[in-house]
């Protein structure tokens, strides 16, 4: 190794050690670190929904079930049309028939999507009413119905997307 480089490197390293003395904060325990911790209160038990809210939730769940039934009926026709058109060119008769069947399938699920939107709105309204102190409870029931309806709508979306994927794209 070149002695000049070694001396230059050594000089740079040692220059980092030289300098003015600075005071650094103490690493000793501060007073606030020894203060007692506050106890976290357990969350209150959920309050059950009242009768009118339960009836409204049931109405939206029934609407979603109606949409599921209509979707399943239309799915059979749309799937058959999509299978027929799977190798067909864009704008061919089979391709257009499949697109029309898929549009009917999407329209058949309107009740499911509408029920999900209504449950979302109900959840937000109920949350706001609880926060304002005007209502008590019912969020768990709404959330359960919302989650089930969302899973159903997501499944419908997946089935439609898979069907569209089998067709030629313009």
C-alpha atoms as a PDB file:
ATOM      1  CA  UNK A   1       0.000   0.000   0.000  1.00  0.00           C
ATOM      2  CA  UNK A   2       1.192   3.496  -0.753  1.00  0.00           C
ATOM      3  CA  UNK A   3       2.413   5.274   2.441  1.00  0.00           C
ATOM      4  CA  UNK A   4       1.172   8.646   1.186  1.00  0.00           C
ATOM      5  CA  UNK A   5      -2.381   7.344   0.890  1.00  0.00           C
ATOM      6  CA  UNK A   6      -2.159   5.768   4.311  1.00  0.00           C
ATOM      7  CA  UNK A   7      -0.995   9.038   5.895  1.00  0.00           C
ATOM      8  CA  UNK A   8      -3.702  11.038   4.109  1.00  0.00           C
ATOM      9  CA  UNK A   9      -6.388   8.608   5.225  1.00  0.00           C
ATOM     10  CA  UNK A  10      -5.078   8.593   8.782  1.00  0.00           C
ATOM     11  CA  UNK A  11      -5.041  12.401   8.842  1.00  0.00           C
ATOM     12  CA  UNK A  12      -8.678  12.541   7.668  1.00  0.00           C
ATOM     13  CA  UNK A  13      -9.806  10.017  10.243  1.00  0.00           C
ATOM     14  CA  UNK A  14      -8.056  11.783  13.108  1.00  0.00           C
ATOM     15  CA  UNK A  15      -9.440  15.160  12.078  1.00  0.00           C
ATOM     16  CA  UNK A  16     -12.897  13.823  12.794  1.00  0.00           C
ATOM     17  CA  UNK A  17     -11.913  13.266  16.420  1.00  0.00           C
ATOM     18  CA  UNK A  18     -10.698  16.810  16.902  1.00  0.00           C
ATOM     19  CA  UNK A  19     -13.168  19.588  17.392  1.00  0.00           C
ATOM     20  CA  UNK A  20     -15.003  21.632  19.928  1.00  0.00           C
ATOM     21  CA  UNK A  21     -16.532  20.012  22.972  1.00  0.00           C
ATOM     22  CA  UNK A  22     -20.311  19.865  22.722  1.00  0.00           C
ATOM     23  CA  UNK A  23     -22.791  18.953  25.396  1.00  0.00           C
ATOM     24  CA  UNK A  24     -25.231  16.221  24.586  1.00  0.00           C
ATOM     25  CA  UNK A  25     -28.528  15.458  26.305  1.00  0.00           C
ATOM     26  CA  UNK A  26     -28.358  13.142  29.246  1.00  0.00           C
ATOM     27  CA  UNK A  27     -29.424   9.546  28.785  1.00  0.00           C
ATOM     28  CA  UNK A  28     -30.730   9.438  32.350  1.00  0.00           C
ATOM     29  CA  UNK A  29     -34.384   8.566  32.932  1.00  0.00           C
ATOM     30  CA  UNK A  30     -36.658  11.608  32.699  1.00  0.00           C
ATOM     31  CA  UNK A  31     -39.417  12.290  35.201  1.00  0.00           C
ATOM     32  CA  UNK A  32     -42.188  11.689  32.683  1.00  0.00           C
ATOM     33  CA  UNK A  33     -40.819   8.210  31.964  1.00  0.00           C
ATOM     34  CA  UNK A  34     -41.392   7.201  35.579  1.00  0.00           C
ATOM     35  CA  UNK A  35     -44.968   8.487  35.779  1.00  0.00           C
ATOM     36  CA  UNK A  36     -47.694   5.893  36.355  1.00  0.00           C
ATOM     37  CA  UNK A  37     -49.525   4.669  33.238  1.00  0.00           C
ATOM     38  CA  UNK A  38     -53.225   5.330  32.913  1.00  0.00           C
ATOM     39  CA  UNK A  39     -55.484   2.304  32.894  1.00  0.00           C
ATOM     40  CA  UNK A  40     -57.394   1.747  29.668  1.00  0.00           C
ATOM     41  CA  UNK A  41     -61.058   1.171  30.296  1.00  0.00           C
ATOM     42  CA  UNK A  42     -62.514  -1.926  28.644  1.00  0.00           C
ATOM     43  CA  UNK A  43     -64.764  -1.174  25.706  1.00  0.00           C
ATOM     44  CA  UNK A  44     -68.440  -1.382  26.543  1.00  0.00           C
ATOM     45  CA  UNK A  45     -70.462  -4.374  25.399  1.00  0.00           C
ATOM     46  CA  UNK A  46     -72.252  -3.747  22.100  1.00  0.00           C
ATOM     47  CA  UNK A  47     -75.850  -2.689  22.405  1.00  0.00           C
ATOM     48  CA  UNK A  48     -78.360  -4.664  20.354  1.00  0.00           C
ATOM     49  CA  UNK A  49     -80.297  -2.987  17.579  1.00  0.00           C
ATOM     50  CA  UNK A  50     -83.792  -1.749  18.272  1.00  0.00           C
ATOM     51  CA  UNK A  51     -86.815  -3.248  16.476  1.00  0.00           C
ATOM     52  CA  UNK A  52     -87.135  -0.607  13.708  1.00  0.00           C
ATOM     53  CA  UNK A  53     -83.440  -0.891  12.852  1.00  0.00           C
ATOM     54  CA  UNK A  54     -83.630  -4.694  12.831  1.00  0.00           C
ATOM     55  CA  UNK A  55     -86.588  -4.517  10.438  1.00  0.00           C
ATOM     56  CA  UNK A  56     -84.734  -2.110   8.146  1.00  0.00           C
ATOM     57  CA  UNK A  57     -81.662  -4.356   8.081  1.00  0.00           C
ATOM     58  CA  UNK A  58     -83.865  -7.378   7.321  1.00  0.00           C
ATOM     59  CA  UNK A  59     -85.473  -5.467   4.443  1.00  0.00           C
ATOM     60  CA  UNK A  60     -82.066  -4.750   2.879  1.00  0.00           C
ATOM     61  CA  UNK A  61     -80.906  -8.334   3.381  1.00  0.00           C
ATOM     62  CA  UNK A  62     -84.080  -9.586   1.645  1.00  0.00           C
ATOM     63  CA  UNK A  63     -83.424  -7.137  -1.203  1.00  0.00           C
ATOM     64  CA  UNK A  64     -79.866  -8.466  -1.542  1.00  0.00           C
ATOM     65  CA  UNK A  65     -81.159 -12.055  -1.573  1.00  0.00           C
ATOM     66  CA  UNK A  66     -83.614 -11.107  -4.312  1.00  0.00           C
ATOM     67  CA  UNK A  67     -80.693  -9.688  -6.304  1.00  0.00           C
ATOM     68  CA  UNK A  68     -78.681 -12.881  -5.737  1.00  0.00           C
ATOM     69  CA  UNK A  69     -81.545 -14.997  -7.044  1.00  0.00           C
ATOM     70  CA  UNK A  70     -82.022 -12.813 -10.127  1.00  0.00           C
ATOM     71  CA  UNK A  71     -78.270 -12.839 -10.747  1.00  0.00           C
ATOM     72  CA  UNK A  72     -78.054 -16.628 -10.507  1.00  0.00           C
ATOM     73  CA  UNK A  73     -80.937 -17.030 -12.973  1.00  0.00           C
ATOM     74  CA  UNK A  74     -79.393 -14.605 -15.463  1.00  0.00           C
ATOM     75  CA  UNK A  75     -75.931 -16.111 -14.966  1.00  0.00           C
ATOM     76  CA  UNK A  76     -76.946 -19.412 -16.561  1.00  0.00           C
ATOM     77  CA  UNK A  77     -78.042 -17.649 -19.768  1.00  0.00           C
ATOM     78  CA  UNK A  78     -75.048 -15.316 -19.842  1.00  0.00           C
ATOM     79  CA  UNK A  79     -72.573 -18.131 -19.212  1.00  0.00           C
ATOM     80  CA  UNK A  80     -74.048 -20.162 -22.041  1.00  0.00           C
ATOM     81  CA  UNK A  81     -73.806 -17.160 -24.397  1.00  0.00           C
ATOM     82  CA  UNK A  82     -70.224 -16.428 -23.304  1.00  0.00           C
ATOM     83  CA  UNK A  83     -69.175 -20.052 -23.903  1.00  0.00           C
ATOM     84  CA  UNK A  84     -70.672 -19.896 -27.374  1.00  0.00           C
ATOM     85  CA  UNK A  85     -68.851 -16.633 -28.136  1.00  0.00           C
ATOM     86  CA  UNK A  86     -65.518 -17.500 -26.502  1.00  0.00           C
ATOM     87  CA  UNK A  87     -63.704 -17.912 -29.847  1.00  0.00           C
ATOM     88  CA  UNK A  88     -65.825 -15.473 -31.827  1.00  0.00           C
ATOM     89  CA  UNK A  89     -64.525 -12.242 -33.272  1.00  0.00           C
ATOM     90  CA  UNK A  90     -65.501  -8.852 -31.893  1.00  0.00           C
ATOM     91  CA  UNK A  91     -68.856  -7.669 -33.322  1.00  0.00           C
ATOM     92  CA  UNK A  92     -69.847 -11.123 -34.511  1.00  0.00           C
ATOM     93  CA  UNK A  93     -73.402 -12.239 -33.786  1.00  0.00           C
ATOM     94  CA  UNK A  94     -72.280 -14.608 -31.019  1.00  0.00           C
ATOM     95  CA  UNK A  95     -70.076 -11.923 -29.431  1.00  0.00           C
ATOM     96  CA  UNK A  96     -72.904  -9.352 -29.487  1.00  0.00           C
ATOM     97  CA  UNK A  97     -75.336 -11.891 -28.014  1.00  0.00           C
ATOM     98  CA  UNK A  98     -72.862 -12.583 -25.197  1.00  0.00           C
ATOM     99  CA  UNK A  99     -72.436  -8.849 -24.516  1.00  0.00           C
ATOM    100  CA  UNK A 100     -76.215  -8.425 -24.325  1.00  0.00           C
ATOM    101  CA  UNK A 101     -76.471 -11.387 -21.937  1.00  0.00           C
ATOM    102  CA  UNK A 102     -73.706  -9.958 -19.742  1.00  0.00           C
ATOM    103  CA  UNK A 103     -75.492  -6.591 -19.680  1.00  0.00           C
ATOM    104  CA  UNK A 104     -78.673  -8.353 -18.566  1.00  0.00           C
ATOM    105  CA  UNK A 105     -76.629 -10.156 -15.914  1.00  0.00           C
ATOM    106  CA  UNK A 106     -75.247  -6.865 -14.615  1.00  0.00           C
ATOM    107  CA  UNK A 107     -78.751  -5.398 -14.529  1.00  0.00           C
ATOM    108  CA  UNK A 108     -80.062  -8.465 -12.660  1.00  0.00           C
ATOM    109  CA  UNK A 109     -77.770  -7.742  -9.735  1.00  0.00           C
ATOM    110  CA  UNK A 110     -79.045  -4.193  -9.213  1.00  0.00           C
ATOM    111  CA  UNK A 111     -80.965  -5.244  -6.108  1.00  0.00           C
ATOM    112  CA  UNK A 112     -77.782  -6.614  -4.527  1.00  0.00           C
ATOM    113  CA  UNK A 113     -75.753  -3.507  -5.302  1.00  0.00           C
ATOM    114  CA  UNK A 114     -78.570  -1.220  -4.178  1.00  0.00           C
ATOM    115  CA  UNK A 115     -78.924  -3.136  -0.899  1.00  0.00           C
ATOM    116  CA  UNK A 116     -75.180  -2.805  -0.283  1.00  0.00           C
ATOM    117  CA  UNK A 117     -75.323   0.947  -0.901  1.00  0.00           C
ATOM    118  CA  UNK A 118     -78.308   1.257   1.449  1.00  0.00           C
ATOM    119  CA  UNK A 119     -76.510  -0.710   4.168  1.00  0.00           C
ATOM    120  CA  UNK A 120     -73.422   1.495   3.742  1.00  0.00           C
ATOM    121  CA  UNK A 121     -75.566   4.607   4.099  1.00  0.00           C
ATOM    122  CA  UNK A 122     -77.380   3.157   7.103  1.00  0.00           C
ATOM    123  CA  UNK A 123     -74.055   2.328   8.769  1.00  0.00           C
ATOM    124  CA  UNK A 124     -72.768   5.885   8.328  1.00  0.00           C
ATOM    125  CA  UNK A 125     -76.025   7.437   9.517  1.00  0.00           C
ATOM    126  CA  UNK A 126     -76.169   5.182  12.563  1.00  0.00           C
ATOM    127  CA  UNK A 127     -72.501   5.874  13.396  1.00  0.00           C
ATOM    128  CA  UNK A 128     -73.138   9.607  13.244  1.00  0.00           C
ATOM    129  CA  UNK A 129     -76.294   9.293  15.362  1.00  0.00           C
ATOM    130  CA  UNK A 130     -74.399   7.285  17.988  1.00  0.00           C
ATOM    131  CA  UNK A 131     -71.552   9.809  17.998  1.00  0.00           C
ATOM    132  CA  UNK A 132     -74.064  12.634  18.478  1.00  0.00           C
ATOM    133  CA  UNK A 133     -75.806  10.755  21.298  1.00  0.00           C
ATOM    134  CA  UNK A 134     -79.125  10.453  19.446  1.00  0.00           C
ATOM    135  CA  UNK A 135     -79.019   6.656  19.096  1.00  0.00           C
ATOM    136  CA  UNK A 136     -77.445   3.687  20.836  1.00  0.00           C
ATOM    137  CA  UNK A 137     -76.216   0.401  19.384  1.00  0.00           C
ATOM    138  CA  UNK A 138     -77.018  -1.538  16.260  1.00  0.00           C
ATOM    139  CA  UNK A 139     -73.700  -1.059  14.468  1.00  0.00           C
ATOM    140  CA  UNK A 140     -72.689  -4.703  14.844  1.00  0.00           C
ATOM    141  CA  UNK A 141     -75.890  -5.921  13.183  1.00  0.00           C
ATOM    142  CA  UNK A 142     -75.534  -3.453  10.307  1.00  0.00           C
ATOM    143  CA  UNK A 143     -71.879  -4.381   9.854  1.00  0.00           C
ATOM    144  CA  UNK A 144     -72.674  -8.106   9.757  1.00  0.00           C
ATOM    145  CA  UNK A 145     -75.335  -7.597   7.075  1.00  0.00           C
ATOM    146  CA  UNK A 146     -73.013  -5.233   5.185  1.00  0.00           C
ATOM    147  CA  UNK A 147     -70.138  -7.721   5.198  1.00  0.00           C
ATOM    148  CA  UNK A 148     -72.332 -10.552   3.902  1.00  0.00           C
ATOM    149  CA  UNK A 149     -73.806  -8.370   1.174  1.00  0.00           C
ATOM    150  CA  UNK A 150     -70.380  -7.062   0.183  1.00  0.00           C
ATOM    151  CA  UNK A 151     -69.068 -10.628  -0.131  1.00  0.00           C
ATOM    152  CA  UNK A 152     -72.019 -11.495  -2.361  1.00  0.00           C
ATOM    153  CA  UNK A 153     -71.507  -8.448  -4.604  1.00  0.00           C
ATOM    154  CA  UNK A 154     -67.767  -9.139  -4.815  1.00  0.00           C
ATOM    155  CA  UNK A 155     -68.497 -12.722  -5.856  1.00  0.00           C
ATOM    156  CA  UNK A 156     -70.874 -11.468  -8.531  1.00  0.00           C
ATOM    157  CA  UNK A 157     -68.229  -9.035  -9.778  1.00  0.00           C
ATOM    158  CA  UNK A 158     -65.669 -11.829  -9.968  1.00  0.00           C
ATOM    159  CA  UNK A 159     -68.024 -14.061 -11.936  1.00  0.00           C
ATOM    160  CA  UNK A 160     -68.831 -11.274 -14.399  1.00  0.00           C
ATOM    161  CA  UNK A 161     -65.152 -10.395 -14.827  1.00  0.00           C
ATOM    162  CA  UNK A 162     -64.269 -14.032 -15.499  1.00  0.00           C
ATOM    163  CA  UNK A 163     -67.020 -14.236 -18.084  1.00  0.00           C
ATOM    164  CA  UNK A 164     -65.862 -11.040 -19.799  1.00  0.00           C
ATOM    165  CA  UNK A 165     -62.315 -12.399 -19.797  1.00  0.00           C
ATOM    166  CA  UNK A 166     -63.379 -15.311 -22.007  1.00  0.00           C
ATOM    167  CA  UNK A 167     -64.561 -12.933 -24.745  1.00  0.00           C
ATOM    168  CA  UNK A 168     -62.483 -11.105 -27.305  1.00  0.00           C
ATOM    169  CA  UNK A 169     -61.911  -7.478 -26.372  1.00  0.00           C
ATOM    170  CA  UNK A 170     -62.466  -4.628 -28.839  1.00  0.00           C
END
